[in-house]
Amino acid sequence: MAALGGIGRFLLAAYRGNDLVYVGGVGTGFKERETIRLRQDLDKLKTAKPPVELKRKGAIWVQPTLIAEIEYRAWTDDGKLQHPAYKGLRERQDNAAVYRIGRESI
């Protein structure tokens, strides 16, 4: 089965201090109409350098400029999101912010 709209999974990052760190991946919650448009937007942001320290075979890296809204149950002991689901993109003008991991968060 092909990935919906050409997107199989998002690899997610959050800020810890000034650095982006990998916090897991999300592969559910995508709507077909949205993924087609989203894939076109992501294709414009492709980059060869991963924005986080992570090796993933077959991953297509993009510049970390989009803000995704992700619903999740909890944080795992190793600092990853548990049961994440994609809810959509946030706009900077609606005061969306990238999640910042505090020392007490994980």
C-alpha atoms as a PDB file:
ATOM      1  CA  MET A   1       0.000   0.000   0.000  1.00  0.00           C
ATOM      2  CA  ALA A   2       1.391   3.402  -0.958  1.00  0.00           C
ATOM      3  CA  ALA A   3       1.828   6.165   1.597  1.00  0.00           C
ATOM      4  CA  LEU A   4      -1.078   8.589   1.730  1.00  0.00           C
ATOM      5  CA  GLY A   5      -0.299  11.517  -0.594  1.00  0.00           C
ATOM      6  CA  GLY A   6       3.326  10.395  -0.711  1.00  0.00           C
ATOM      7  CA  ILE A   7       3.863  10.867   3.035  1.00  0.00           C
ATOM      8  CA  GLY A   8       4.439   7.794   5.154  1.00  0.00           C
ATOM      9  CA  ARG A   9       5.669   9.304   8.393  1.00  0.00           C
ATOM     10  CA  PHE A  10       6.902  12.593   9.817  1.00  0.00           C
ATOM     11  CA  LEU A  11      10.031  12.557  11.929  1.00  0.00           C
ATOM     12  CA  LEU A  12       9.439  15.100  14.679  1.00  0.00           C
ATOM     13  CA  ALA A  13      11.739  17.422  16.604  1.00  0.00           C
ATOM     14  CA  ALA A  14      11.401  19.812  19.522  1.00  0.00           C
ATOM     15  CA  TYR A  15      13.804  22.361  20.960  1.00  0.00           C
ATOM     16  CA  ARG A  16      16.015  21.512  23.899  1.00  0.00           C
ATOM     17  CA  GLY A  17      17.777  24.785  24.592  1.00  0.00           C
ATOM     18  CA  ASN A  18      18.786  26.091  21.163  1.00  0.00           C
ATOM     19  CA  ASP A  19      19.068  22.652  19.555  1.00  0.00           C
ATOM     20  CA  LEU A  20      16.437  20.549  17.823  1.00  0.00           C
ATOM     21  CA  VAL A  21      16.225  16.976  19.115  1.00  0.00           C
ATOM     22  CA  TYR A  22      14.357  14.012  17.680  1.00  0.00           C
ATOM     23  CA  VAL A  23      11.186  13.197  19.652  1.00  0.00           C
ATOM     24  CA  GLY A  24       9.710  10.406  17.528  1.00  0.00           C
ATOM     25  CA  GLY A  25       7.662   9.970  14.404  1.00  0.00           C
ATOM     26  CA  VAL A  26       4.017  10.250  13.487  1.00  0.00           C
ATOM     27  CA  GLY A  27       2.300   8.244  10.767  1.00  0.00           C
ATOM     28  CA  THR A  28      -1.384   8.630  11.636  1.00  0.00           C
ATOM     29  CA  GLY A  29      -3.922  11.429  11.411  1.00  0.00           C
ATOM     30  CA  PHE A  30      -3.178  12.507   7.838  1.00  0.00           C
ATOM     31  CA  LYS A  31      -6.038  13.352   5.466  1.00  0.00           C
ATOM     32  CA  GLU A  32      -5.510  12.555   1.784  1.00  0.00           C
ATOM     33  CA  ARG A  33      -6.394  15.988   0.383  1.00  0.00           C
ATOM     34  CA  GLU A  34      -4.117  17.703   2.866  1.00  0.00           C
ATOM     35  CA  THR A  35      -1.185  15.329   2.312  1.00  0.00           C
ATOM     36  CA  ILE A  36      -1.055  16.038  -1.413  1.00  0.00           C
ATOM     37  CA  ARG A  37      -0.703  19.782  -0.739  1.00  0.00           C
ATOM     38  CA  LEU A  38       1.624  19.138   2.187  1.00  0.00           C
ATOM     39  CA  ARG A  39       3.910  16.946   0.080  1.00  0.00           C
ATOM     40  CA  GLN A  40       4.179  19.746  -2.512  1.00  0.00           C
ATOM     41  CA  ASP A  41       5.154  22.197   0.246  1.00  0.00           C
ATOM     42  CA  LEU A  42       7.677  19.756   1.728  1.00  0.00           C
ATOM     43  CA  ASP A  43       9.273  19.133  -1.677  1.00  0.00           C
ATOM     44  CA  LYS A  44      10.188  22.852  -1.751  1.00  0.00           C
ATOM     45  CA  LEU A  45      11.970  22.513   1.618  1.00  0.00           C
ATOM     46  CA  LYS A  46      14.189  19.504   0.848  1.00  0.00           C
ATOM     47  CA  THR A  47      17.714  19.568   2.188  1.00  0.00           C
ATOM     48  CA  ALA A  48      20.571  17.067   2.214  1.00  0.00           C
ATOM     49  CA  LYS A  49      21.513  17.748   5.849  1.00  0.00           C
ATOM     50  CA  PRO A  50      19.324  16.275   8.598  1.00  0.00           C
ATOM     51  CA  PRO A  51      18.193  19.016  11.027  1.00  0.00           C
ATOM     52  CA  VAL A  52      18.640  16.563  13.950  1.00  0.00           C
ATOM     53  CA  GLU A  53      21.212  13.924  14.866  1.00  0.00           C
ATOM     54  CA  LEU A  54      19.475  10.922  13.352  1.00  0.00           C
ATOM     55  CA  LYS A  55      20.220   8.349  10.684  1.00  0.00           C
ATOM     56  CA  ARG A  56      17.167   7.014   8.867  1.00  0.00           C
ATOM     57  CA  LYS A  57      17.463   5.004   5.695  1.00  0.00           C
ATOM     58  CA  GLY A  58      15.158   6.410   3.027  1.00  0.00           C
ATOM     59  CA  ALA A  59      14.262   9.579   4.944  1.00  0.00           C
ATOM     60  CA  ILE A  60      13.735  12.748   2.957  1.00  0.00           C
ATOM     61  CA  TRP A  61      15.020  15.646   5.042  1.00  0.00           C
ATOM     62  CA  VAL A  62      13.441  19.090   4.948  1.00  0.00           C
ATOM     63  CA  GLN A  63      14.333  22.434   6.479  1.00  0.00           C
ATOM     64  CA  PRO A  64      12.639  22.666   9.896  1.00  0.00           C
ATOM     65  CA  THR A  65      10.375  25.607   9.122  1.00  0.00           C
ATOM     66  CA  LEU A  66       6.860  24.138   9.414  1.00  0.00           C
ATOM     67  CA  ILE A  67       5.041  23.770  12.733  1.00  0.00           C
ATOM     68  CA  ALA A  68       2.928  20.628  13.043  1.00  0.00           C
ATOM     69  CA  GLU A  69       0.235  20.212  15.662  1.00  0.00           C
ATOM     70  CA  ILE A  70       0.624  16.767  17.205  1.00  0.00           C
ATOM     71  CA  GLU A  71      -1.660  15.136  19.738  1.00  0.00           C
ATOM     72  CA  TYR A  72       0.022  12.550  21.964  1.00  0.00           C
ATOM     73  CA  ARG A  73      -0.629  10.605  25.173  1.00  0.00           C
ATOM     74  CA  ALA A  74       2.643  11.056  27.069  1.00  0.00           C
ATOM     75  CA  TRP A  75       6.424  11.143  26.870  1.00  0.00           C
ATOM     76  CA  THR A  76       8.346   7.867  26.997  1.00  0.00           C
ATOM     77  CA  ASP A  77      11.289   7.403  29.365  1.00  0.00           C
ATOM     78  CA  ASP A  78      13.695   7.922  26.461  1.00  0.00           C
ATOM     79  CA  GLY A  79      12.181  11.279  25.463  1.00  0.00           C
ATOM     80  CA  LYS A  80       9.863  10.256  22.610  1.00  0.00           C
ATOM     81  CA  LEU A  81       6.175  10.988  22.064  1.00  0.00           C
ATOM     82  CA  GLN A  82       3.833   8.130  22.902  1.00  0.00           C
ATOM     83  CA  HIS A  83       0.953   7.459  20.453  1.00  0.00           C
ATOM     84  CA  PRO A  84       1.342  10.668  18.416  1.00  0.00           C
ATOM     85  CA  ALA A  85      -1.296  11.687  15.837  1.00  0.00           C
ATOM     86  CA  TYR A  86      -0.962  14.472  13.248  1.00  0.00           C
ATOM     87  CA  LYS A  87      -3.635  17.177  13.577  1.00  0.00           C
ATOM     88  CA  GLY A  88      -2.450  19.704  10.978  1.00  0.00           C
ATOM     89  CA  LEU A  89      -0.050  22.552  10.411  1.00  0.00           C
ATOM     90  CA  ARG A  90      -0.043  25.636  12.584  1.00  0.00           C
ATOM     91  CA  GLU A  91       0.469  29.139  11.282  1.00  0.00           C
ATOM     92  CA  ARG A  92       3.071  31.397  12.856  1.00  0.00           C
ATOM     93  CA  GLN A  93       0.561  34.238  12.912  1.00  0.00           C
ATOM     94  CA  ASP A  94      -1.743  32.267  15.250  1.00  0.00           C
ATOM     95  CA  ASN A  95       1.049  32.390  17.853  1.00  0.00           C
ATOM     96  CA  ALA A  96       2.054  28.781  17.213  1.00  0.00           C
ATOM     97  CA  ALA A  97       5.266  27.822  18.916  1.00  0.00           C
ATOM     98  CA  VAL A  98       7.665  24.924  18.609  1.00  0.00           C
ATOM     99  CA  TYR A  99       7.554  22.822  21.765  1.00  0.00           C
ATOM    100  CA  ARG A 100      10.531  23.426  24.022  1.00  0.00           C
ATOM    101  CA  ILE A 101      11.683  20.567  26.187  1.00  0.00           C
ATOM    102  CA  GLY A 102      12.471  21.711  29.698  1.00  0.00           C
ATOM    103  CA  ARG A 103      14.698  19.848  32.090  1.00  0.00           C
ATOM    104  CA  GLU A 104      11.650  18.679  34.000  1.00  0.00           C
ATOM    105  CA  SER A 105       9.667  17.570  30.900  1.00  0.00           C
ATOM    106  CA  ILE A 106      11.443  14.248  30.371  1.00  0.00           C
END
